[in-house]
Amino acid sequence: MDADKTIRNFCEHWNRSDIDAIVDSFTDDATYHNIPMEPCKGKEAIRIFVGGMFGGMAKSVHFEIKHQVVNGSIVMNERVDTITLQDRKVALPVCGVFEMNNDGKISAWRDYFDLAQFTGN
């Protein structure tokens, strides 16, 4: 398993708005937690969240990895996520932490960001 390449490819799936590839990157029981929001637990909950992002809230999402480090099955990256909404564009600094399983799937993903910066408050 090449965890670095897996997560770089995962970020490219977002850049292409490829919902199926994004969701297929997770284990069935994965957790995706956009901290400070409520976590999504399970692949189907993740599909609903991601589908909602691309299905109405965002016109596009682009992940730009600034730095990425790998320690075994843990990958951490510093990114700028540019989210094009219906009425504005938000460039959001994010720190992501990914836990991988032995099959190269994401079992947990936590993103840390400033929600007020995203909401404009």
PDB file of N, CA and C in Angstrom:
ATOM      1  N   MET A   1       0.846  -1.189   0.000  1.00  0.00           N
ATOM      2  CA  MET A   1       0.000   0.000   0.000  1.00  0.00           C
ATOM      3  C   MET A   1       0.884   1.241   0.000  1.00  0.00           C
ATOM      4  N   ASP A   2       0.647   2.132  -0.923  1.00  0.00           N
ATOM      5  CA  ASP A   2       1.340   3.414  -0.987  1.00  0.00           C
ATOM      6  C   ASP A   2       0.367   4.483  -0.480  1.00  0.00           C
ATOM      7  N   ALA A   3       0.383   4.728   0.826  1.00  0.00           N
ATOM      8  CA  ALA A   3      -0.579   5.632   1.453  1.00  0.00           C
ATOM      9  C   ALA A   3      -0.479   7.048   0.884  1.00  0.00           C
ATOM     10  N   ASP A   4       0.736   7.508   0.599  1.00  0.00           N
ATOM     11  CA  ASP A   4       0.920   8.848   0.045  1.00  0.00           C
ATOM     12  C   ASP A   4       0.178   8.970  -1.292  1.00  0.00           C
ATOM     13  N   LYS A   5       0.410   8.028  -2.170  1.00  0.00           N
ATOM     14  CA  LYS A   5      -0.215   8.062  -3.494  1.00  0.00           C
ATOM     15  C   LYS A   5      -1.733   7.904  -3.389  1.00  0.00           C
ATOM     16  N   THR A   6      -2.184   7.040  -2.493  1.00  0.00           N
ATOM     17  CA  THR A   6      -3.623   6.824  -2.314  1.00  0.00           C
ATOM     18  C   THR A   6      -4.325   8.125  -1.954  1.00  0.00           C
ATOM     19  N   ILE A   7      -3.764   8.878  -1.013  1.00  0.00           N
ATOM     20  CA  ILE A   7      -4.415  10.125  -0.584  1.00  0.00           C
ATOM     21  C   ILE A   7      -4.278  11.204  -1.646  1.00  0.00           C
ATOM     22  N   ARG A   8      -3.167  11.249  -2.345  1.00  0.00           N
ATOM     23  CA  ARG A   8      -3.051  12.218  -3.461  1.00  0.00           C
ATOM     24  C   ARG A   8      -4.099  11.915  -4.536  1.00  0.00           C
ATOM     25  N   ASN A   9      -4.294  10.643  -4.850  1.00  0.00           N
ATOM     26  CA  ASN A   9      -5.332  10.258  -5.814  1.00  0.00           C
ATOM     27  C   ASN A   9      -6.723  10.606  -5.288  1.00  0.00           C
ATOM     28  N   PHE A  10      -6.944  10.375  -3.997  1.00  0.00           N
ATOM     29  CA  PHE A  10      -8.214  10.702  -3.375  1.00  0.00           C
ATOM     30  C   PHE A  10      -8.524  12.192  -3.536  1.00  0.00           C
ATOM     31  N   CYS A  11      -7.541  13.031  -3.307  1.00  0.00           N
ATOM     32  CA  CYS A  11      -7.743  14.481  -3.461  1.00  0.00           C
ATOM     33  C   CYS A  11      -8.052  14.827  -4.916  1.00  0.00           C
ATOM     34  N   GLU A  12      -7.443  14.126  -5.856  1.00  0.00           N
ATOM     35  CA  GLU A  12      -7.745  14.352  -7.276  1.00  0.00           C
ATOM     36  C   GLU A  12      -9.181  13.961  -7.606  1.00  0.00           C
ATOM     37  N   HIS A  13      -9.716  12.941  -6.937  1.00  0.00           N
ATOM     38  CA  HIS A  13     -11.123  12.573  -7.148  1.00  0.00           C
ATOM     39  C   HIS A  13     -12.032  13.757  -6.823  1.00  0.00           C
ATOM     40  N   TRP A  14     -11.704  14.496  -5.746  1.00  0.00           N
ATOM     41  CA  TRP A  14     -12.480  15.692  -5.398  1.00  0.00           C
ATOM     42  C   TRP A  14     -12.358  16.732  -6.499  1.00  0.00           C
ATOM     43  N   ASN A  15     -11.137  16.922  -7.013  1.00  0.00           N
ATOM     44  CA  ASN A  15     -10.924  17.931  -8.049  1.00  0.00           C
ATOM     45  C   ASN A  15     -11.731  17.631  -9.308  1.00  0.00           C
ATOM     46  N   ARG A  16     -12.019  16.352  -9.556  1.00  0.00           N
ATOM     47  CA  ARG A  16     -12.805  15.943 -10.727  1.00  0.00           C
ATOM     48  C   ARG A  16     -14.296  15.778 -10.389  1.00  0.00           C
ATOM     49  N   SER A  17     -14.680  16.046  -9.146  1.00  0.00           N
ATOM     50  CA  SER A  17     -16.076  15.870  -8.694  1.00  0.00           C
ATOM     51  C   SER A  17     -16.553  14.447  -8.916  1.00  0.00           C
ATOM     52  N   ASP A  18     -15.667  13.468  -8.705  1.00  0.00           N
ATOM     53  CA  ASP A  18     -15.959  12.051  -8.957  1.00  0.00           C
ATOM     54  C   ASP A  18     -16.467  11.396  -7.667  1.00  0.00           C
ATOM     55  N   ILE A  19     -17.761  11.525  -7.430  1.00  0.00           N
ATOM     56  CA  ILE A  19     -18.364  11.056  -6.182  1.00  0.00           C
ATOM     57  C   ILE A  19     -18.140   9.564  -5.984  1.00  0.00           C
ATOM     58  N   ASP A  20     -18.328   8.768  -7.025  1.00  0.00           N
ATOM     59  CA  ASP A  20     -18.150   7.317  -6.883  1.00  0.00           C
ATOM     60  C   ASP A  20     -16.723   6.968  -6.469  1.00  0.00           C
ATOM     61  N   ALA A  21     -15.736   7.592  -7.086  1.00  0.00           N
ATOM     62  CA  ALA A  21     -14.338   7.317  -6.731  1.00  0.00           C
ATOM     63  C   ALA A  21     -14.027   7.786  -5.312  1.00  0.00           C
ATOM     64  N   ILE A  22     -14.595   8.923  -4.917  1.00  0.00           N
ATOM     65  CA  ILE A  22     -14.399   9.411  -3.549  1.00  0.00           C
ATOM     66  C   ILE A  22     -14.922   8.373  -2.558  1.00  0.00           C
ATOM     67  N   VAL A  23     -16.154   7.954  -2.739  1.00  0.00           N
ATOM     68  CA  VAL A  23     -16.795   7.026  -1.807  1.00  0.00           C
ATOM     69  C   VAL A  23     -16.103   5.663  -1.844  1.00  0.00           C
ATOM     70  N   ASP A  24     -15.686   5.207  -3.007  1.00  0.00           N
ATOM     71  CA  ASP A  24     -15.003   3.918  -3.125  1.00  0.00           C
ATOM     72  C   ASP A  24     -13.649   3.904  -2.416  1.00  0.00           C
ATOM     73  N   SER A  25     -13.139   5.060  -2.061  1.00  0.00           N
ATOM     74  CA  SER A  25     -11.854   5.149  -1.352  1.00  0.00           C
ATOM     75  C   SER A  25     -11.974   4.752   0.121  1.00  0.00           C
ATOM     76  N   PHE A  26     -13.205   4.625   0.629  1.00  0.00           N
ATOM     77  CA  PHE A  26     -13.453   4.363   2.045  1.00  0.00           C
ATOM     78  C   PHE A  26     -13.785   2.894   2.306  1.00  0.00           C
ATOM     79  N   THR A  27     -13.495   2.461   3.531  1.00  0.00           N
ATOM     80  CA  THR A  27     -14.000   1.176   4.003  1.00  0.00           C
ATOM     81  C   THR A  27     -15.496   1.318   4.259  1.00  0.00           C
ATOM     82  N   ASP A  28     -16.210   0.210   4.338  1.00  0.00           N
ATOM     83  CA  ASP A  28     -17.659   0.261   4.561  1.00  0.00           C
ATOM     84  C   ASP A  28     -18.029   0.917   5.885  1.00  0.00           C
ATOM     85  N   ASP A  29     -17.163   0.780   6.902  1.00  0.00           N
ATOM     86  CA  ASP A  29     -17.457   1.309   8.238  1.00  0.00           C
ATOM     87  C   ASP A  29     -16.657   2.571   8.568  1.00  0.00           C
ATOM     88  N   ALA A  30     -16.174   3.259   7.557  1.00  0.00           N
ATOM     89  CA  ALA A  30     -15.320   4.437   7.748  1.00  0.00           C
ATOM     90  C   ALA A  30     -16.063   5.568   8.458  1.00  0.00           C
ATOM     91  N   THR A  31     -15.275   6.462   9.045  1.00  0.00           N
ATOM     92  CA  THR A  31     -15.788   7.688   9.651  1.00  0.00           C
ATOM     93  C   THR A  31     -15.136   8.878   8.957  1.00  0.00           C
ATOM     94  N   TYR A  32     -15.951   9.843   8.554  1.00  0.00           N
ATOM     95  CA  TYR A  32     -15.469  11.098   7.975  1.00  0.00           C
ATOM     96  C   TYR A  32     -15.971  12.200   8.894  1.00  0.00           C
ATOM     97  N   HIS A  33     -15.035  12.945   9.488  1.00  0.00           N
ATOM     98  CA  HIS A  33     -15.402  13.968  10.463  1.00  0.00           C
ATOM     99  C   HIS A  33     -14.830  15.307  10.052  1.00  0.00           C
ATOM    100  N   ASN A  34     -15.692  16.187   9.601  1.00  0.00           N
ATOM    101  CA  ASN A  34     -15.339  17.582   9.348  1.00  0.00           C
ATOM    102  C   ASN A  34     -15.489  18.307  10.677  1.00  0.00           C
ATOM    103  N   ILE A  35     -14.411  18.400  11.404  1.00  0.00           N
ATOM    104  CA  ILE A  35     -14.465  19.002  12.733  1.00  0.00           C
ATOM    105  C   ILE A  35     -14.589  20.515  12.548  1.00  0.00           C
ATOM    106  N   PRO A  36     -15.579  21.174  13.103  1.00  0.00           N
ATOM    107  CA  PRO A  36     -16.382  20.865  14.275  1.00  0.00           C
ATOM    108  C   PRO A  36     -17.791  20.345  13.981  1.00  0.00           C
ATOM    109  N   MET A  37     -18.101  19.895  12.783  1.00  0.00           N
ATOM    110  CA  MET A  37     -19.436  19.396  12.458  1.00  0.00           C
ATOM    111  C   MET A  37     -19.594  17.953  12.948  1.00  0.00           C
ATOM    112  N   GLU A  38     -20.769  17.404  12.825  1.00  0.00           N
ATOM    113  CA  GLU A  38     -21.035  16.029  13.234  1.00  0.00           C
ATOM    114  C   GLU A  38     -20.374  15.060  12.252  1.00  0.00           C
ATOM    115  N   PRO A  39     -19.832  13.947  12.740  1.00  0.00           N
ATOM    116  CA  PRO A  39     -19.182  12.993  11.843  1.00  0.00           C
ATOM    117  C   PRO A  39     -20.185  12.184  11.019  1.00  0.00           C
ATOM    118  N   CYS A  40     -19.725  11.742   9.860  1.00  0.00           N
ATOM    119  CA  CYS A  40     -20.466  10.790   9.025  1.00  0.00           C
ATOM    120  C   CYS A  40     -19.888   9.416   9.315  1.00  0.00           C
ATOM    121  N   LYS A  41     -20.749   8.469   9.636  1.00  0.00           N
ATOM    122  CA  LYS A  41     -20.280   7.123   9.970  1.00  0.00           C
ATOM    123  C   LYS A  41     -20.846   6.135   8.969  1.00  0.00           C
ATOM    124  N   GLY A  42     -19.946   5.453   8.276  1.00  0.00           N
ATOM    125  CA  GLY A  42     -20.339   4.469   7.280  1.00  0.00           C
ATOM    126  C   GLY A  42     -20.298   5.054   5.882  1.00  0.00           C
ATOM    127  N   LYS A  43     -20.035   4.173   4.934  1.00  0.00           N
ATOM    128  CA  LYS A  43     -19.868   4.576   3.542  1.00  0.00           C
ATOM    129  C   LYS A  43     -21.111   5.267   2.984  1.00  0.00           C
ATOM    130  N   GLU A  44     -22.291   4.788   3.336  1.00  0.00           N
ATOM    131  CA  GLU A  44     -23.511   5.389   2.802  1.00  0.00           C
ATOM    132  C   GLU A  44     -23.736   6.802   3.351  1.00  0.00           C
ATOM    133  N   ALA A  45     -23.432   7.030   4.623  1.00  0.00           N
ATOM    134  CA  ALA A  45     -23.538   8.379   5.190  1.00  0.00           C
ATOM    135  C   ALA A  45     -22.534   9.318   4.513  1.00  0.00           C
ATOM    136  N   ILE A  46     -21.349   8.794   4.220  1.00  0.00           N
ATOM    137  CA  ILE A  46     -20.337   9.597   3.517  1.00  0.00           C
ATOM    138  C   ILE A  46     -20.832   9.926   2.114  1.00  0.00           C
ATOM    139  N   ARG A  47     -21.441   8.955   1.425  1.00  0.00           N
ATOM    140  CA  ARG A  47     -21.976   9.202   0.079  1.00  0.00           C
ATOM    141  C   ARG A  47     -23.031  10.310   0.121  1.00  0.00           C
ATOM    142  N   ILE A  48     -23.905  10.278   1.102  1.00  0.00           N
ATOM    143  CA  ILE A  48     -24.956  11.296   1.220  1.00  0.00           C
ATOM    144  C   ILE A  48     -24.333  12.679   1.430  1.00  0.00           C
ATOM    145  N   PHE A  49     -23.326  12.754   2.321  1.00  0.00           N
ATOM    146  CA  PHE A  49     -22.676  14.046   2.590  1.00  0.00           C
ATOM    147  C   PHE A  49     -21.970  14.569   1.341  1.00  0.00           C
ATOM    148  N   VAL A  50     -21.158  13.728   0.714  1.00  0.00           N
ATOM    149  CA  VAL A  50     -20.410  14.147  -0.476  1.00  0.00           C
ATOM    150  C   VAL A  50     -21.372  14.494  -1.614  1.00  0.00           C
ATOM    151  N   GLY A  51     -22.409  13.677  -1.779  1.00  0.00           N
ATOM    152  CA  GLY A  51     -23.403  13.965  -2.809  1.00  0.00           C
ATOM    153  C   GLY A  51     -24.082  15.297  -2.589  1.00  0.00           C
ATOM    154  N   GLY A  52     -24.330  15.640  -1.327  1.00  0.00           N
ATOM    155  CA  GLY A  52     -24.916  16.932  -1.005  1.00  0.00           C
ATOM    156  C   GLY A  52     -23.996  18.092  -1.324  1.00  0.00           C
ATOM    157  N   MET A  53     -22.695  17.851  -1.122  1.00  0.00           N
ATOM    158  CA  MET A  53     -21.721  18.894  -1.476  1.00  0.00           C
ATOM    159  C   MET A  53     -21.809  19.218  -2.964  1.00  0.00           C
ATOM    160  N   PHE A  54     -21.744  18.177  -3.788  1.00  0.00           N
ATOM    161  CA  PHE A  54     -21.723  18.383  -5.236  1.00  0.00           C
ATOM    162  C   PHE A  54     -23.118  18.533  -5.827  1.00  0.00           C
ATOM    163  N   GLY A  55     -24.126  18.086  -5.101  1.00  0.00           N
ATOM    164  CA  GLY A  55     -25.471  18.103  -5.643  1.00  0.00           C
ATOM    165  C   GLY A  55     -26.217  19.403  -5.450  1.00  0.00           C
ATOM    166  N   GLY A  56     -25.691  20.312  -4.686  1.00  0.00           N
ATOM    167  CA  GLY A  56     -26.444  21.536  -4.467  1.00  0.00           C
ATOM    168  C   GLY A  56     -25.642  22.655  -3.851  1.00  0.00           C
ATOM    169  N   MET A  57     -24.816  22.323  -2.840  1.00  0.00           N
ATOM    170  CA  MET A  57     -24.111  23.381  -2.129  1.00  0.00           C
ATOM    171  C   MET A  57     -22.969  23.958  -2.957  1.00  0.00           C
ATOM    172  N   ALA A  58     -22.152  23.091  -3.545  1.00  0.00           N
ATOM    173  CA  ALA A  58     -20.939  23.544  -4.224  1.00  0.00           C
ATOM    174  C   ALA A  58     -21.002  23.257  -5.720  1.00  0.00           C
ATOM    175  N   LYS A  59     -20.536  24.203  -6.498  1.00  0.00           N
ATOM    176  CA  LYS A  59     -20.371  23.969  -7.930  1.00  0.00           C
ATOM    177  C   LYS A  59     -19.125  23.123  -8.168  1.00  0.00           C
ATOM    178  N   SER A  60     -18.097  23.365  -7.345  1.00  0.00           N
ATOM    179  CA  SER A  60     -16.865  22.588  -7.452  1.00  0.00           C
ATOM    180  C   SER A  60     -16.087  22.676  -6.147  1.00  0.00           C
ATOM    181  N   VAL A  61     -15.209  21.688  -5.957  1.00  0.00           N
ATOM    182  CA  VAL A  61     -14.305  21.652  -4.810  1.00  0.00           C
ATOM    183  C   VAL A  61     -12.939  21.287  -5.360  1.00  0.00           C
ATOM    184  N   HIS A  62     -11.931  22.060  -4.996  1.00  0.00           N
ATOM    185  CA  HIS A  62     -10.576  21.777  -5.451  1.00  0.00           C
ATOM    186  C   HIS A  62      -9.645  21.709  -4.250  1.00  0.00           C
ATOM    187  N   PHE A  63      -8.956  20.567  -4.106  1.00  0.00           N
ATOM    188  CA  PHE A  63      -7.981  20.388  -3.027  1.00  0.00           C
ATOM    189  C   PHE A  63      -6.590  20.676  -3.573  1.00  0.00           C
ATOM    190  N   GLU A  64      -5.887  21.584  -2.932  1.00  0.00           N
ATOM    191  CA  GLU A  64      -4.483  21.848  -3.253  1.00  0.00           C
ATOM    192  C   GLU A  64      -3.648  21.432  -2.050  1.00  0.00           C
ATOM    193  N   ILE A  65      -2.892  20.362  -2.200  1.00  0.00           N
ATOM    194  CA  ILE A  65      -2.043  19.885  -1.114  1.00  0.00           C
ATOM    195  C   ILE A  65      -0.798  20.754  -1.048  1.00  0.00           C
ATOM    196  N   LYS A  66      -0.567  21.345   0.114  1.00  0.00           N
ATOM    197  CA  LYS A  66       0.638  22.156   0.340  1.00  0.00           C
ATOM    198  C   LYS A  66       1.768  21.283   0.879  1.00  0.00           C
ATOM    199  N   HIS A  67       1.442  20.431   1.852  1.00  0.00           N
ATOM    200  CA  HIS A  67       2.408  19.510   2.462  1.00  0.00           C
ATOM    201  C   HIS A  67       1.681  18.219   2.800  1.00  0.00           C
ATOM    202  N   GLN A  68       2.401  17.105   2.697  1.00  0.00           N
ATOM    203  CA  GLN A  68       1.807  15.829   3.081  1.00  0.00           C
ATOM    204  C   GLN A  68       2.891  14.951   3.686  1.00  0.00           C
ATOM    205  N   VAL A  69       2.555  14.324   4.804  1.00  0.00           N
ATOM    206  CA  VAL A  69       3.494  13.425   5.475  1.00  0.00           C
ATOM    207  C   VAL A  69       2.793  12.102   5.747  1.00  0.00           C
ATOM    208  N   VAL A  70       3.592  11.040   5.735  1.00  0.00           N
ATOM    209  CA  VAL A  70       3.067   9.696   5.943  1.00  0.00           C
ATOM    210  C   VAL A  70       3.879   9.018   7.032  1.00  0.00           C
ATOM    211  N   ASN A  71       3.181   8.366   7.940  1.00  0.00           N
ATOM    212  CA  ASN A  71       3.830   7.538   8.959  1.00  0.00           C
ATOM    213  C   ASN A  71       3.044   6.232   9.013  1.00  0.00           C
ATOM    214  N   GLY A  72       3.521   5.240   8.285  1.00  0.00           N
ATOM    215  CA  GLY A  72       2.824   3.959   8.221  1.00  0.00           C
ATOM    216  C   GLY A  72       1.468   4.114   7.582  1.00  0.00           C
ATOM    217  N   SER A  73       0.421   3.841   8.343  1.00  0.00           N
ATOM    218  CA  SER A  73      -0.942   3.914   7.818  1.00  0.00           C
ATOM    219  C   SER A  73      -1.627   5.250   8.113  1.00  0.00           C
ATOM    220  N   ILE A  74      -0.875   6.224   8.608  1.00  0.00           N
ATOM    221  CA  ILE A  74      -1.416   7.559   8.906  1.00  0.00           C
ATOM    222  C   ILE A  74      -0.856   8.556   7.888  1.00  0.00           C
ATOM    223  N   VAL A  75      -1.753   9.322   7.298  1.00  0.00           N
ATOM    224  CA  VAL A  75      -1.364  10.367   6.349  1.00  0.00           C
ATOM    225  C   VAL A  75      -1.940  11.678   6.868  1.00  0.00           C
ATOM    226  N   MET A  76      -1.098  12.702   6.889  1.00  0.00           N
ATOM    227  CA  MET A  76      -1.568  14.039   7.271  1.00  0.00           C
ATOM    228  C   MET A  76      -1.212  14.999   6.150  1.00  0.00           C
ATOM    229  N   ASN A  77      -2.170  15.860   5.804  1.00  0.00           N
ATOM    230  CA  ASN A  77      -1.838  16.882   4.821  1.00  0.00           C
ATOM    231  C   ASN A  77      -2.372  18.241   5.228  1.00  0.00           C
ATOM    232  N   GLU A  78      -1.644  19.242   4.762  1.00  0.00           N
ATOM    233  CA  GLU A  78      -2.061  20.634   4.874  1.00  0.00           C
ATOM    234  C   GLU A  78      -2.528  21.012   3.478  1.00  0.00           C
ATOM    235  N   ARG A  79      -3.773  21.505   3.399  1.00  0.00           N
ATOM    236  CA  ARG A  79      -4.353  21.804   2.094  1.00  0.00           C
ATOM    237  C   ARG A  79      -5.004  23.176   2.104  1.00  0.00           C
ATOM    238  N   VAL A  80      -5.261  23.661   0.901  1.00  0.00           N
ATOM    239  CA  VAL A  80      -6.203  24.751   0.709  1.00  0.00           C
ATOM    240  C   VAL A  80      -7.320  24.171  -0.141  1.00  0.00           C
ATOM    241  N   ASP A  81      -8.501  24.105   0.434  1.00  0.00           N
ATOM    242  CA  ASP A  81      -9.680  23.613  -0.280  1.00  0.00           C
ATOM    243  C   ASP A  81     -10.428  24.827  -0.818  1.00  0.00           C
ATOM    244  N   THR A  82     -10.513  24.945  -2.118  1.00  0.00           N
ATOM    245  CA  THR A  82     -11.252  26.037  -2.733  1.00  0.00           C
ATOM    246  C   THR A  82     -12.617  25.506  -3.134  1.00  0.00           C
ATOM    247  N   ILE A  83     -13.620  26.058  -2.493  1.00  0.00           N
ATOM    248  CA  ILE A  83     -14.990  25.605  -2.688  1.00  0.00           C
ATOM    249  C   ILE A  83     -15.746  26.716  -3.407  1.00  0.00           C
ATOM    250  N   THR A  84     -16.216  26.408  -4.609  1.00  0.00           N
ATOM    251  CA  THR A  84     -16.994  27.363  -5.373  1.00  0.00           C
ATOM    252  C   THR A  84     -18.462  27.101  -5.081  1.00  0.00           C
ATOM    253  N   LEU A  85     -19.062  28.027  -4.366  1.00  0.00           N
ATOM    254  CA  LEU A  85     -20.473  27.941  -4.005  1.00  0.00           C
ATOM    255  C   LEU A  85     -21.301  28.630  -5.075  1.00  0.00           C
ATOM    256  N   GLN A  86     -22.595  28.674  -4.886  1.00  0.00           N
ATOM    257  CA  GLN A  86     -23.469  29.317  -5.864  1.00  0.00           C
ATOM    258  C   GLN A  86     -23.193  30.820  -5.976  1.00  0.00           C
ATOM    259  N   ASP A  87     -22.846  31.454  -4.838  1.00  0.00           N
ATOM    260  CA  ASP A  87     -22.715  32.908  -4.823  1.00  0.00           C
ATOM    261  C   ASP A  87     -21.322  33.422  -4.482  1.00  0.00           C
ATOM    262  N   ARG A  88     -20.381  32.517  -4.161  1.00  0.00           N
ATOM    263  CA  ARG A  88     -19.038  32.971  -3.792  1.00  0.00           C
ATOM    264  C   ARG A  88     -18.060  31.808  -3.837  1.00  0.00           C
ATOM    265  N   LYS A  89     -16.791  32.164  -3.717  1.00  0.00           N
ATOM    266  CA  LYS A  89     -15.726  31.176  -3.682  1.00  0.00           C
ATOM    267  C   LYS A  89     -14.997  31.318  -2.355  1.00  0.00           C
ATOM    268  N   VAL A  90     -14.740  30.187  -1.684  1.00  0.00           N
ATOM    269  CA  VAL A  90     -14.070  30.196  -0.396  1.00  0.00           C
ATOM    270  C   VAL A  90     -12.783  29.377  -0.508  1.00  0.00           C
ATOM    271  N   ALA A  91     -11.651  29.994  -0.166  1.00  0.00           N
ATOM    272  CA  ALA A  91     -10.374  29.279  -0.073  1.00  0.00           C
ATOM    273  C   ALA A  91     -10.148  28.988   1.407  1.00  0.00           C
ATOM    274  N   LEU A  92     -10.233  27.729   1.772  1.00  0.00           N
ATOM    275  CA  LEU A  92     -10.263  27.325   3.164  1.00  0.00           C
ATOM    276  C   LEU A  92      -9.006  26.541   3.535  1.00  0.00           C
ATOM    277  N   PRO A  93      -8.163  27.065   4.440  1.00  0.00           N
ATOM    278  CA  PRO A  93      -7.027  26.277   4.924  1.00  0.00           C
ATOM    279  C   PRO A  93      -7.539  25.093   5.744  1.00  0.00           C
ATOM    280  N   VAL A  94      -6.997  23.906   5.471  1.00  0.00           N
ATOM    281  CA  VAL A  94      -7.463  22.680   6.110  1.00  0.00           C
ATOM    282  C   VAL A  94      -6.269  21.817   6.489  1.00  0.00           C
ATOM    283  N   CYS A  95      -6.386  21.129   7.613  1.00  0.00           N
ATOM    284  CA  CYS A  95      -5.440  20.077   7.978  1.00  0.00           C
ATOM    285  C   CYS A  95      -6.225  18.780   8.000  1.00  0.00           C
ATOM    286  N   GLY A  96      -5.804  17.798   7.193  1.00  0.00           N
ATOM    287  CA  GLY A  96      -6.498  16.518   7.106  1.00  0.00           C
ATOM    288  C   GLY A  96      -5.668  15.403   7.709  1.00  0.00           C
ATOM    289  N   VAL A  97      -6.332  14.498   8.413  1.00  0.00           N
ATOM    290  CA  VAL A  97      -5.691  13.321   8.991  1.00  0.00           C
ATOM    291  C   VAL A  97      -6.455  12.107   8.473  1.00  0.00           C
ATOM    292  N   PHE A  98      -5.731  11.183   7.850  1.00  0.00           N
ATOM    293  CA  PHE A  98      -6.324   9.991   7.251  1.00  0.00           C
ATOM    294  C   PHE A  98      -5.731   8.755   7.910  1.00  0.00           C
ATOM    295  N   GLU A  99      -6.599   7.807   8.254  1.00  0.00           N
ATOM    296  CA  GLU A  99      -6.162   6.505   8.741  1.00  0.00           C
ATOM    297  C   GLU A  99      -6.506   5.491   7.660  1.00  0.00           C
ATOM    298  N   MET A 100      -5.515   4.699   7.271  1.00  0.00           N
ATOM    299  CA  MET A 100      -5.680   3.734   6.189  1.00  0.00           C
ATOM    300  C   MET A 100      -5.736   2.313   6.759  1.00  0.00           C
ATOM    301  N   ASN A 101      -6.463   1.429   6.067  1.00  0.00           N
ATOM    302  CA  ASN A 101      -6.415   0.025   6.461  1.00  0.00           C
ATOM    303  C   ASN A 101      -5.396  -0.701   5.569  1.00  0.00           C
ATOM    304  N   ASN A 102      -5.207  -1.973   5.779  1.00  0.00           N
ATOM    305  CA  ASN A 102      -4.193  -2.728   5.042  1.00  0.00           C
ATOM    306  C   ASN A 102      -4.515  -2.890   3.564  1.00  0.00           C
ATOM    307  N   ASP A 103      -5.773  -2.699   3.176  1.00  0.00           N
ATOM    308  CA  ASP A 103      -6.171  -2.816   1.774  1.00  0.00           C
ATOM    309  C   ASP A 103      -6.051  -1.499   1.020  1.00  0.00           C
ATOM    310  N   GLY A 104      -5.518  -0.469   1.676  1.00  0.00           N
ATOM    311  CA  GLY A 104      -5.361   0.825   1.025  1.00  0.00           C
ATOM    312  C   GLY A 104      -6.623   1.661   0.994  1.00  0.00           C
ATOM    313  N   LYS A 105      -7.582   1.349   1.843  1.00  0.00           N
ATOM    314  CA  LYS A 105      -8.818   2.131   1.940  1.00  0.00           C
ATOM    315  C   LYS A 105      -8.749   3.050   3.154  1.00  0.00           C
ATOM    316  N   ILE A 106      -9.479   4.134   3.102  1.00  0.00           N
ATOM    317  CA  ILE A 106      -9.541   5.082   4.211  1.00  0.00           C
ATOM    318  C   ILE A 106     -10.551   4.566   5.237  1.00  0.00           C
ATOM    319  N   SER A 107     -10.081   4.372   6.469  1.00  0.00           N
ATOM    320  CA  SER A 107     -10.987   3.925   7.537  1.00  0.00           C
ATOM    321  C   SER A 107     -11.448   5.099   8.406  1.00  0.00           C
ATOM    322  N   ALA A 108     -10.679   6.178   8.415  1.00  0.00           N
ATOM    323  CA  ALA A 108     -11.076   7.386   9.142  1.00  0.00           C
ATOM    324  C   ALA A 108     -10.430   8.593   8.482  1.00  0.00           C
ATOM    325  N   TRP A 109     -11.198   9.677   8.413  1.00  0.00           N
ATOM    326  CA  TRP A 109     -10.701  10.935   7.854  1.00  0.00           C
ATOM    327  C   TRP A 109     -11.247  12.051   8.712  1.00  0.00           C
ATOM    328  N   ARG A 110     -10.330  12.871   9.227  1.00  0.00           N
ATOM    329  CA  ARG A 110     -10.700  14.044  10.006  1.00  0.00           C
ATOM    330  C   ARG A 110     -10.111  15.279   9.346  1.00  0.00           C
ATOM    331  N   ASP A 111     -10.935  16.271   9.107  1.00  0.00           N
ATOM    332  CA  ASP A 111     -10.483  17.561   8.588  1.00  0.00           C
ATOM    333  C   ASP A 111     -10.711  18.620   9.653  1.00  0.00           C
ATOM    334  N   TYR A 112      -9.686  19.425   9.881  1.00  0.00           N
ATOM    335  CA  TYR A 112      -9.738  20.517  10.858  1.00  0.00           C
ATOM    336  C   TYR A 112      -9.687  21.832  10.093  1.00  0.00           C
ATOM    337  N   PHE A 113     -10.676  22.686  10.343  1.00  0.00           N
ATOM    338  CA  PHE A 113     -10.753  23.975   9.661  1.00  0.00           C
ATOM    339  C   PHE A 113     -11.590  24.929  10.489  1.00  0.00           C
ATOM    340  N   ASP A 114     -11.599  26.193  10.098  1.00  0.00           N
ATOM    341  CA  ASP A 114     -12.358  27.222  10.790  1.00  0.00           C
ATOM    342  C   ASP A 114     -13.724  27.360  10.121  1.00  0.00           C
ATOM    343  N   LEU A 115     -14.753  26.848  10.771  1.00  0.00           N
ATOM    344  CA  LEU A 115     -16.094  26.865  10.218  1.00  0.00           C
ATOM    345  C   LEU A 115     -16.581  28.296   9.956  1.00  0.00           C
ATOM    346  N   ALA A 116     -16.195  29.242  10.817  1.00  0.00           N
ATOM    347  CA  ALA A 116     -16.607  30.633  10.632  1.00  0.00           C
ATOM    348  C   ALA A 116     -16.049  31.200   9.326  1.00  0.00           C
ATOM    349  N   GLN A 117     -14.851  30.776   8.942  1.00  0.00           N
ATOM    350  CA  GLN A 117     -14.291  31.242   7.693  1.00  0.00           C
ATOM    351  C   GLN A 117     -15.107  30.707   6.506  1.00  0.00           C
ATOM    352  N   PHE A 118     -15.580  29.476   6.631  1.00  0.00           N
ATOM    353  CA  PHE A 118     -16.385  28.890   5.574  1.00  0.00           C
ATOM    354  C   PHE A 118     -17.760  29.558   5.467  1.00  0.00           C
ATOM    355  N   THR A 119     -18.405  29.789   6.599  1.00  0.00           N
ATOM    356  CA  THR A 119     -19.750  30.342   6.600  1.00  0.00           C
ATOM    357  C   THR A 119     -19.767  31.856   6.412  1.00  0.00           C
ATOM    358  N   GLY A 120     -18.602  32.503   6.551  1.00  0.00           N
ATOM    359  CA  GLY A 120     -18.537  33.945   6.389  1.00  0.00           C
ATOM    360  C   GLY A 120     -18.935  34.707   7.624  1.00  0.00           C
ATOM    361  N   ASN A 121     -19.012  34.033   8.762  1.00  0.00           N
ATOM    362  CA  ASN A 121     -19.387  34.687  10.022  1.00  0.00           C
ATOM    363  C   ASN A 121     -18.176  35.148  10.796  1.00  0.00           C
TER     364      ASN A 121
END
